[in-house]
Amino acid sequence: MLRPLMFIVMPRCFIVYGSGNSDGNRHNHDDLPILLAGKGGGTLTGGQHIRFRRETPLTNLYLSMLDRVDVKVSSFGDSTGRLSGL
């Protein structure tokens, strides 16, 4: 049951999984481990490991994801721009 569902759903969606803290002891919110899975209806390139600059806000990823579902906004939270290479 799960296998056929994966072939239908995963190509059309994307899922973000990660943590808001990179170091639980210091509560740092930089250098976050984030997983972006799925193909986003063909808008994402899979099989990549991308490292962005340390100062890149996570909200830049959210802003880029909103673009891919046709939600056009100029900014999101503390975003500084869209991410390239996804």
PDB file of N, CA and C in Angstrom:
ATOM      1  N   MET A   1       0.817  -1.197   0.000  1.00  0.00           N
ATOM      2  CA  MET A   1       0.000   0.000   0.000  1.00  0.00           C
ATOM      3  C   MET A   1       0.865   1.267   0.000  1.00  0.00           C
ATOM      4  N   LEU A   2       1.904   1.299   0.816  1.00  0.00           N
ATOM      5  CA  LEU A   2       2.739   2.487   0.916  1.00  0.00           C
ATOM      6  C   LEU A   2       3.534   2.727  -0.362  1.00  0.00           C
ATOM      7  N   ARG A   3       4.033   1.689  -0.979  1.00  0.00           N
ATOM      8  CA  ARG A   3       4.871   1.839  -2.171  1.00  0.00           C
ATOM      9  C   ARG A   3       4.132   2.536  -3.307  1.00  0.00           C
ATOM     10  N   PRO A   4       2.934   2.114  -3.709  1.00  0.00           N
ATOM     11  CA  PRO A   4       2.233   2.824  -4.786  1.00  0.00           C
ATOM     12  C   PRO A   4       1.928   4.283  -4.421  1.00  0.00           C
ATOM     13  N   LEU A   5       1.641   4.536  -3.163  1.00  0.00           N
ATOM     14  CA  LEU A   5       1.356   5.891  -2.716  1.00  0.00           C
ATOM     15  C   LEU A   5       2.580   6.791  -2.883  1.00  0.00           C
ATOM     16  N   MET A   6       3.756   6.255  -2.621  1.00  0.00           N
ATOM     17  CA  MET A   6       4.984   7.032  -2.776  1.00  0.00           C
ATOM     18  C   MET A   6       5.207   7.450  -4.221  1.00  0.00           C
ATOM     19  N   PHE A   7       4.843   6.606  -5.172  1.00  0.00           N
ATOM     20  CA  PHE A   7       5.030   6.939  -6.577  1.00  0.00           C
ATOM     21  C   PHE A   7       4.028   7.985  -7.056  1.00  0.00           C
ATOM     22  N   ILE A   8       2.921   8.125  -6.343  1.00  0.00           N
ATOM     23  CA  ILE A   8       1.905   9.117  -6.705  1.00  0.00           C
ATOM     24  C   ILE A   8       2.157  10.440  -5.992  1.00  0.00           C
ATOM     25  N   VAL A   9       2.426  10.388  -4.704  1.00  0.00           N
ATOM     26  CA  VAL A   9       2.503  11.593  -3.881  1.00  0.00           C
ATOM     27  C   VAL A   9       3.870  12.274  -3.951  1.00  0.00           C
ATOM     28  N   MET A  10       4.946  11.541  -3.788  1.00  0.00           N
ATOM     29  CA  MET A  10       6.269  12.164  -3.672  1.00  0.00           C
ATOM     30  C   MET A  10       6.689  12.991  -4.889  1.00  0.00           C
ATOM     31  N   PRO A  11       6.381  12.591  -6.116  1.00  0.00           N
ATOM     32  CA  PRO A  11       6.770  13.454  -7.239  1.00  0.00           C
ATOM     33  C   PRO A  11       6.058  14.805  -7.238  1.00  0.00           C
ATOM     34  N   ARG A  12       4.938  14.905  -6.549  1.00  0.00           N
ATOM     35  CA  ARG A  12       4.138  16.125  -6.584  1.00  0.00           C
ATOM     36  C   ARG A  12       4.323  17.034  -5.374  1.00  0.00           C
ATOM     37  N   CYS A  13       5.023  16.578  -4.363  1.00  0.00           N
ATOM     38  CA  CYS A  13       5.130  17.373  -3.137  1.00  0.00           C
ATOM     39  C   CYS A  13       6.581  17.518  -2.709  1.00  0.00           C
ATOM     40  N   PHE A  14       6.782  18.299  -1.666  1.00  0.00           N
ATOM     41  CA  PHE A  14       8.072  18.322  -0.999  1.00  0.00           C
ATOM     42  C   PHE A  14       7.844  18.408   0.497  1.00  0.00           C
ATOM     43  N   ILE A  15       8.783  17.867   1.218  1.00  0.00           N
ATOM     44  CA  ILE A  15       8.691  17.786   2.673  1.00  0.00           C
ATOM     45  C   ILE A  15       9.987  18.340   3.248  1.00  0.00           C
ATOM     46  N   VAL A  16       9.864  19.226   4.214  1.00  0.00           N
ATOM     47  CA  VAL A  16      11.038  19.766   4.903  1.00  0.00           C
ATOM     48  C   VAL A  16      11.115  19.102   6.261  1.00  0.00           C
ATOM     49  N   TYR A  17      12.302  18.619   6.587  1.00  0.00           N
ATOM     50  CA  TYR A  17      12.525  17.997   7.892  1.00  0.00           C
ATOM     51  C   TYR A  17      13.824  18.564   8.450  1.00  0.00           C
ATOM     52  N   GLY A  18      13.788  18.976   9.673  1.00  0.00           N
ATOM     53  CA  GLY A  18      15.010  19.498  10.271  1.00  0.00           C
ATOM     54  C   GLY A  18      14.763  19.987  11.681  1.00  0.00           C
ATOM     55  N   SER A  19      15.713  20.745  12.145  1.00  0.00           N
ATOM     56  CA  SER A  19      15.667  21.247  13.509  1.00  0.00           C
ATOM     57  C   SER A  19      15.889  22.749  13.497  1.00  0.00           C
ATOM     58  N   GLY A  20      15.322  23.431  14.458  1.00  0.00           N
ATOM     59  CA  GLY A  20      15.533  24.860  14.603  1.00  0.00           C
ATOM     60  C   GLY A  20      16.802  25.194  15.359  1.00  0.00           C
ATOM     61  N   ASN A  21      17.451  24.174  15.917  1.00  0.00           N
ATOM     62  CA  ASN A  21      18.699  24.374  16.652  1.00  0.00           C
ATOM     63  C   ASN A  21      19.766  23.450  16.093  1.00  0.00           C
ATOM     64  N   SER A  22      20.949  24.007  15.825  1.00  0.00           N
ATOM     65  CA  SER A  22      22.051  23.160  15.375  1.00  0.00           C
ATOM     66  C   SER A  22      22.825  22.594  16.559  1.00  0.00           C
ATOM     67  N   ASP A  23      22.791  23.295  17.677  1.00  0.00           N
ATOM     68  CA  ASP A  23      23.461  22.857  18.905  1.00  0.00           C
ATOM     69  C   ASP A  23      22.484  23.058  20.057  1.00  0.00           C
ATOM     70  N   GLY A  24      21.947  21.981  20.553  1.00  0.00           N
ATOM     71  CA  GLY A  24      20.946  22.061  21.615  1.00  0.00           C
ATOM     72  C   GLY A  24      21.460  22.657  22.906  1.00  0.00           C
ATOM     73  N   ASN A  25      22.745  22.530  23.159  1.00  0.00           N
ATOM     74  CA  ASN A  25      23.307  23.104  24.384  1.00  0.00           C
ATOM     75  C   ASN A  25      23.409  24.621  24.314  1.00  0.00           C
ATOM     76  N   ARG A  26      23.748  25.135  23.149  1.00  0.00           N
ATOM     77  CA  ARG A  26      23.911  26.583  22.999  1.00  0.00           C
ATOM     78  C   ARG A  26      22.713  27.242  22.328  1.00  0.00           C
ATOM     79  N   HIS A  27      21.749  26.451  21.860  1.00  0.00           N
ATOM     80  CA  HIS A  27      20.553  26.956  21.180  1.00  0.00           C
ATOM     81  C   HIS A  27      20.893  27.783  19.947  1.00  0.00           C
ATOM     82  N   ASN A  28      21.926  27.373  19.233  1.00  0.00           N
ATOM     83  CA  ASN A  28      22.304  28.048  17.997  1.00  0.00           C
ATOM     84  C   ASN A  28      21.279  27.749  16.910  1.00  0.00           C
ATOM     85  N   HIS A  29      20.993  28.731  16.094  1.00  0.00           N
ATOM     86  CA  HIS A  29      20.103  28.503  14.963  1.00  0.00           C
ATOM     87  C   HIS A  29      20.808  28.808  13.647  1.00  0.00           C
ATOM     88  N   ASP A  30      22.110  28.505  13.599  1.00  0.00           N
ATOM     89  CA  ASP A  30      22.844  28.600  12.347  1.00  0.00           C
ATOM     90  C   ASP A  30      23.424  27.230  12.006  1.00  0.00           C
ATOM     91  N   ASP A  31      23.789  27.047  10.753  1.00  0.00           N
ATOM     92  CA  ASP A  31      24.320  25.765  10.291  1.00  0.00           C
ATOM     93  C   ASP A  31      23.352  24.611  10.593  1.00  0.00           C
ATOM     94  N   LEU A  32      22.088  24.824  10.235  1.00  0.00           N
ATOM     95  CA  LEU A  32      21.033  23.859  10.555  1.00  0.00           C
ATOM     96  C   LEU A  32      21.040  22.666   9.606  1.00  0.00           C
ATOM     97  N   PRO A  33      20.851  21.458  10.135  1.00  0.00           N
ATOM     98  CA  PRO A  33      20.698  20.285   9.266  1.00  0.00           C
ATOM     99  C   PRO A  33      19.252  20.204   8.773  1.00  0.00           C
ATOM    100  N   ILE A  34      19.039  20.422   7.491  1.00  0.00           N
ATOM    101  CA  ILE A  34      17.694  20.443   6.909  1.00  0.00           C
ATOM    102  C   ILE A  34      17.638  19.444   5.761  1.00  0.00           C
ATOM    103  N   LEU A  35      16.588  18.645   5.724  1.00  0.00           N
ATOM    104  CA  LEU A  35      16.355  17.715   4.627  1.00  0.00           C
ATOM    105  C   LEU A  35      15.142  18.198   3.846  1.00  0.00           C
ATOM    106  N   LEU A  36      15.289  18.338   2.549  1.00  0.00           N
ATOM    107  CA  LEU A  36      14.182  18.689   1.668  1.00  0.00           C
ATOM    108  C   LEU A  36      13.985  17.503   0.738  1.00  0.00           C
ATOM    109  N   ALA A  37      12.872  16.811   0.883  1.00  0.00           N
ATOM    110  CA  ALA A  37      12.601  15.592   0.117  1.00  0.00           C
ATOM    111  C   ALA A  37      11.429  15.807  -0.831  1.00  0.00           C
ATOM    112  N   GLY A  38      11.397  15.049  -1.897  1.00  0.00           N
ATOM    113  CA  GLY A  38      10.329  15.135  -2.882  1.00  0.00           C
ATOM    114  C   GLY A  38      10.802  15.848  -4.132  1.00  0.00           C
ATOM    115  N   LYS A  39       9.927  15.938  -5.113  1.00  0.00           N
ATOM    116  CA  LYS A  39      10.295  16.579  -6.376  1.00  0.00           C
ATOM    117  C   LYS A  39       9.550  17.883  -6.610  1.00  0.00           C
ATOM    118  N   GLY A  40       8.598  18.194  -5.775  1.00  0.00           N
ATOM    119  CA  GLY A  40       7.887  19.463  -5.908  1.00  0.00           C
ATOM    120  C   GLY A  40       7.258  19.673  -7.271  1.00  0.00           C
ATOM    121  N   GLY A  41       6.667  18.617  -7.816  1.00  0.00           N
ATOM    122  CA  GLY A  41       6.046  18.726  -9.130  1.00  0.00           C
ATOM    123  C   GLY A  41       7.044  18.988 -10.246  1.00  0.00           C
ATOM    124  N   GLY A  42       8.288  18.548 -10.047  1.00  0.00           N
ATOM    125  CA  GLY A  42       9.327  18.740 -11.053  1.00  0.00           C
ATOM    126  C   GLY A  42      10.095  20.037 -10.892  1.00  0.00           C
ATOM    127  N   THR A  43       9.846  20.774  -9.800  1.00  0.00           N
ATOM    128  CA  THR A  43      10.542  22.045  -9.587  1.00  0.00           C
ATOM    129  C   THR A  43      11.820  21.901  -8.777  1.00  0.00           C
ATOM    130  N   LEU A  44      12.081  20.700  -8.239  1.00  0.00           N
ATOM    131  CA  LEU A  44      13.284  20.460  -7.443  1.00  0.00           C
ATOM    132  C   LEU A  44      14.167  19.416  -8.109  1.00  0.00           C
ATOM    133  N   THR A  45      15.460  19.584  -7.955  1.00  0.00           N
ATOM    134  CA  THR A  45      16.423  18.600  -8.444  1.00  0.00           C
ATOM    135  C   THR A  45      16.866  17.756  -7.263  1.00  0.00           C
ATOM    136  N   GLY A  46      16.654  16.463  -7.340  1.00  0.00           N
ATOM    137  CA  GLY A  46      16.997  15.574  -6.229  1.00  0.00           C
ATOM    138  C   GLY A  46      18.442  15.123  -6.256  1.00  0.00           C
ATOM    139  N   GLY A  47      18.807  14.360  -5.247  1.00  0.00           N
ATOM    140  CA  GLY A  47      20.124  13.758  -5.184  1.00  0.00           C
ATOM    141  C   GLY A  47      21.250  14.752  -4.959  1.00  0.00           C
ATOM    142  N   GLN A  48      20.983  15.817  -4.257  1.00  0.00           N
ATOM    143  CA  GLN A  48      21.985  16.849  -4.034  1.00  0.00           C
ATOM    144  C   GLN A  48      22.266  17.029  -2.543  1.00  0.00           C
ATOM    145  N   HIS A  49      23.464  17.475  -2.253  1.00  0.00           N
ATOM    146  CA  HIS A  49      23.802  17.960  -0.920  1.00  0.00           C
ATOM    147  C   HIS A  49      24.278  19.388  -1.136  1.00  0.00           C
ATOM    148  N   ILE A  50      23.500  20.346  -0.676  1.00  0.00           N
ATOM    149  CA  ILE A  50      23.813  21.755  -0.909  1.00  0.00           C
ATOM    150  C   ILE A  50      24.120  22.409   0.426  1.00  0.00           C
ATOM    151  N   ARG A  51      25.213  23.127   0.463  1.00  0.00           N
ATOM    152  CA  ARG A  51      25.572  23.879   1.669  1.00  0.00           C
ATOM    153  C   ARG A  51      25.550  25.358   1.313  1.00  0.00           C
ATOM    154  N   PHE A  52      24.714  26.103   2.016  1.00  0.00           N
ATOM    155  CA  PHE A  52      24.628  27.542   1.807  1.00  0.00           C
ATOM    156  C   PHE A  52      25.484  28.260   2.835  1.00  0.00           C
ATOM    157  N   ARG A  53      25.732  29.538   2.594  1.00  0.00           N
ATOM    158  CA  ARG A  53      26.528  30.320   3.541  1.00  0.00           C
ATOM    159  C   ARG A  53      25.914  30.252   4.929  1.00  0.00           C
ATOM    160  N   ARG A  54      26.731  30.308   5.919  1.00  0.00           N
ATOM    161  CA  ARG A  54      26.308  30.186   7.314  1.00  0.00           C
ATOM    162  C   ARG A  54      25.245  31.205   7.698  1.00  0.00           C
ATOM    163  N   GLU A  55      25.300  32.401   7.126  1.00  0.00           N
ATOM    164  CA  GLU A  55      24.354  33.465   7.484  1.00  0.00           C
ATOM    165  C   GLU A  55      23.011  33.352   6.766  1.00  0.00           C
ATOM    166  N   THR A  56      22.842  32.368   5.914  1.00  0.00           N
ATOM    167  CA  THR A  56      21.610  32.240   5.129  1.00  0.00           C
ATOM    168  C   THR A  56      20.439  31.865   6.033  1.00  0.00           C
ATOM    169  N   PRO A  57      19.403  32.711   6.091  1.00  0.00           N
ATOM    170  CA  PRO A  57      18.239  32.389   6.928  1.00  0.00           C
ATOM    171  C   PRO A  57      17.456  31.192   6.374  1.00  0.00           C
ATOM    172  N   LEU A  58      16.935  30.373   7.258  1.00  0.00           N
ATOM    173  CA  LEU A  58      16.099  29.240   6.852  1.00  0.00           C
ATOM    174  C   LEU A  58      14.858  29.731   6.108  1.00  0.00           C
ATOM    175  N   THR A  59      14.409  30.926   6.417  1.00  0.00           N
ATOM    176  CA  THR A  59      13.224  31.468   5.748  1.00  0.00           C
ATOM    177  C   THR A  59      13.466  31.703   4.258  1.00  0.00           C
ATOM    178  N   ASN A  60      14.732  31.771   3.821  1.00  0.00           N
ATOM    179  CA  ASN A  60      15.009  31.831   2.383  1.00  0.00           C
ATOM    180  C   ASN A  60      14.542  30.549   1.694  1.00  0.00           C
ATOM    181  N   LEU A  61      14.705  29.411   2.377  1.00  0.00           N
ATOM    182  CA  LEU A  61      14.211  28.143   1.838  1.00  0.00           C
ATOM    183  C   LEU A  61      12.686  28.167   1.755  1.00  0.00           C
ATOM    184  N   TYR A  62      12.044  28.636   2.813  1.00  0.00           N
ATOM    185  CA  TYR A  62      10.577  28.708   2.811  1.00  0.00           C
ATOM    186  C   TYR A  62      10.068  29.627   1.697  1.00  0.00           C
ATOM    187  N   LEU A  63      10.749  30.747   1.489  1.00  0.00           N
ATOM    188  CA  LEU A  63      10.365  31.671   0.424  1.00  0.00           C
ATOM    189  C   LEU A  63      10.498  30.996  -0.938  1.00  0.00           C
ATOM    190  N   SER A  64      11.565  30.252  -1.136  1.00  0.00           N
ATOM    191  CA  SER A  64      11.765  29.525  -2.397  1.00  0.00           C
ATOM    192  C   SER A  64      10.710  28.445  -2.585  1.00  0.00           C
ATOM    193  N   MET A  65      10.311  27.804  -1.507  1.00  0.00           N
ATOM    194  CA  MET A  65       9.266  26.777  -1.592  1.00  0.00           C
ATOM    195  C   MET A  65       7.916  27.402  -1.936  1.00  0.00           C
ATOM    196  N   LEU A  66       7.624  28.556  -1.363  1.00  0.00           N
ATOM    197  CA  LEU A  66       6.368  29.251  -1.681  1.00  0.00           C
ATOM    198  C   LEU A  66       6.296  29.586  -3.165  1.00  0.00           C
ATOM    199  N   ASP A  67       7.406  30.002  -3.748  1.00  0.00           N
ATOM    200  CA  ASP A  67       7.441  30.273  -5.191  1.00  0.00           C
ATOM    201  C   ASP A  67       7.024  29.051  -5.991  1.00  0.00           C
ATOM    202  N   ARG A  68       7.450  27.889  -5.564  1.00  0.00           N
ATOM    203  CA  ARG A  68       7.195  26.658  -6.305  1.00  0.00           C
ATOM    204  C   ARG A  68       5.747  26.191  -6.234  1.00  0.00           C
ATOM    205  N   VAL A  69       4.986  26.733  -5.300  1.00  0.00           N
ATOM    206  CA  VAL A  69       3.552  26.414  -5.227  1.00  0.00           C
ATOM    207  C   VAL A  69       2.718  27.635  -5.611  1.00  0.00           C
ATOM    208  N   ASP A  70       3.340  28.531  -6.368  1.00  0.00           N
ATOM    209  CA  ASP A  70       2.682  29.728  -6.911  1.00  0.00           C
ATOM    210  C   ASP A  70       2.101  30.659  -5.854  1.00  0.00           C
ATOM    211  N   VAL A  71       2.751  30.733  -4.714  1.00  0.00           N
ATOM    212  CA  VAL A  71       2.403  31.743  -3.711  1.00  0.00           C
ATOM    213  C   VAL A  71       3.487  32.808  -3.817  1.00  0.00           C
ATOM    214  N   LYS A  72       3.168  33.916  -4.431  1.00  0.00           N
ATOM    215  CA  LYS A  72       4.146  34.963  -4.704  1.00  0.00           C
ATOM    216  C   LYS A  72       4.130  35.997  -3.580  1.00  0.00           C
ATOM    217  N   VAL A  73       5.191  36.015  -2.808  1.00  0.00           N
ATOM    218  CA  VAL A  73       5.381  37.015  -1.761  1.00  0.00           C
ATOM    219  C   VAL A  73       6.792  37.573  -1.918  1.00  0.00           C
ATOM    220  N   SER A  74       6.994  38.803  -1.498  1.00  0.00           N
ATOM    221  CA  SER A  74       8.313  39.418  -1.665  1.00  0.00           C
ATOM    222  C   SER A  74       9.280  39.009  -0.565  1.00  0.00           C
ATOM    223  N   SER A  75       8.759  38.680   0.601  1.00  0.00           N
ATOM    224  CA  SER A  75       9.621  38.238   1.704  1.00  0.00           C
ATOM    225  C   SER A  75       8.820  37.332   2.633  1.00  0.00           C
ATOM    226  N   PHE A  76       9.551  36.643   3.489  1.00  0.00           N
ATOM    227  CA  PHE A  76       8.921  35.747   4.464  1.00  0.00           C
ATOM    228  C   PHE A  76       9.772  35.794   5.726  1.00  0.00           C
ATOM    229  N   GLY A  77       9.224  36.305   6.811  1.00  0.00           N
ATOM    230  CA  GLY A  77       9.991  36.410   8.048  1.00  0.00           C
ATOM    231  C   GLY A  77      11.239  37.244   7.847  1.00  0.00           C
ATOM    232  N   ASP A  78      12.382  36.707   8.214  1.00  0.00           N
ATOM    233  CA  ASP A  78      13.647  37.433   8.077  1.00  0.00           C
ATOM    234  C   ASP A  78      14.419  37.048   6.816  1.00  0.00           C
ATOM    235  N   SER A  79      13.692  36.589   5.781  1.00  0.00           N
ATOM    236  CA  SER A  79      14.357  36.159   4.553  1.00  0.00           C
ATOM    237  C   SER A  79      15.120  37.314   3.910  1.00  0.00           C
ATOM    238  N   THR A  80      16.191  36.958   3.228  1.00  0.00           N
ATOM    239  CA  THR A  80      17.010  37.943   2.522  1.00  0.00           C
ATOM    240  C   THR A  80      17.006  37.700   1.024  1.00  0.00           C
ATOM    241  N   GLY A  81      16.310  36.662   0.571  1.00  0.00           N
ATOM    242  CA  GLY A  81      16.227  36.347  -0.855  1.00  0.00           C
ATOM    243  C   GLY A  81      15.898  34.885  -1.067  1.00  0.00           C
ATOM    244  N   ARG A  82      15.816  34.514  -2.319  1.00  0.00           N
ATOM    245  CA  ARG A  82      15.500  33.128  -2.673  1.00  0.00           C
ATOM    246  C   ARG A  82      16.769  32.316  -2.831  1.00  0.00           C
ATOM    247  N   LEU A  83      16.639  31.005  -2.649  1.00  0.00           N
ATOM    248  CA  LEU A  83      17.790  30.106  -2.792  1.00  0.00           C
ATOM    249  C   LEU A  83      17.879  29.621  -4.235  1.00  0.00           C
ATOM    250  N   SER A  84      19.073  29.575  -4.754  1.00  0.00           N
ATOM    251  CA  SER A  84      19.274  29.034  -6.100  1.00  0.00           C
ATOM    252  C   SER A  84      19.889  27.643  -5.985  1.00  0.00           C
ATOM    253  N   GLY A  85      19.715  26.854  -6.992  1.00  0.00           N
ATOM    254  CA  GLY A  85      20.319  25.526  -7.017  1.00  0.00           C
ATOM    255  C   GLY A  85      19.467  24.422  -6.437  1.00  0.00           C
ATOM    256  N   LEU A  86      18.198  24.719  -6.133  1.00  0.00           N
ATOM    257  CA  LEU A  86      17.328  23.678  -5.605  1.00  0.00           C
ATOM    258  C   LEU A  86      16.787  22.870  -6.767  1.00  0.00           C
TER     259      LEU A  86
END
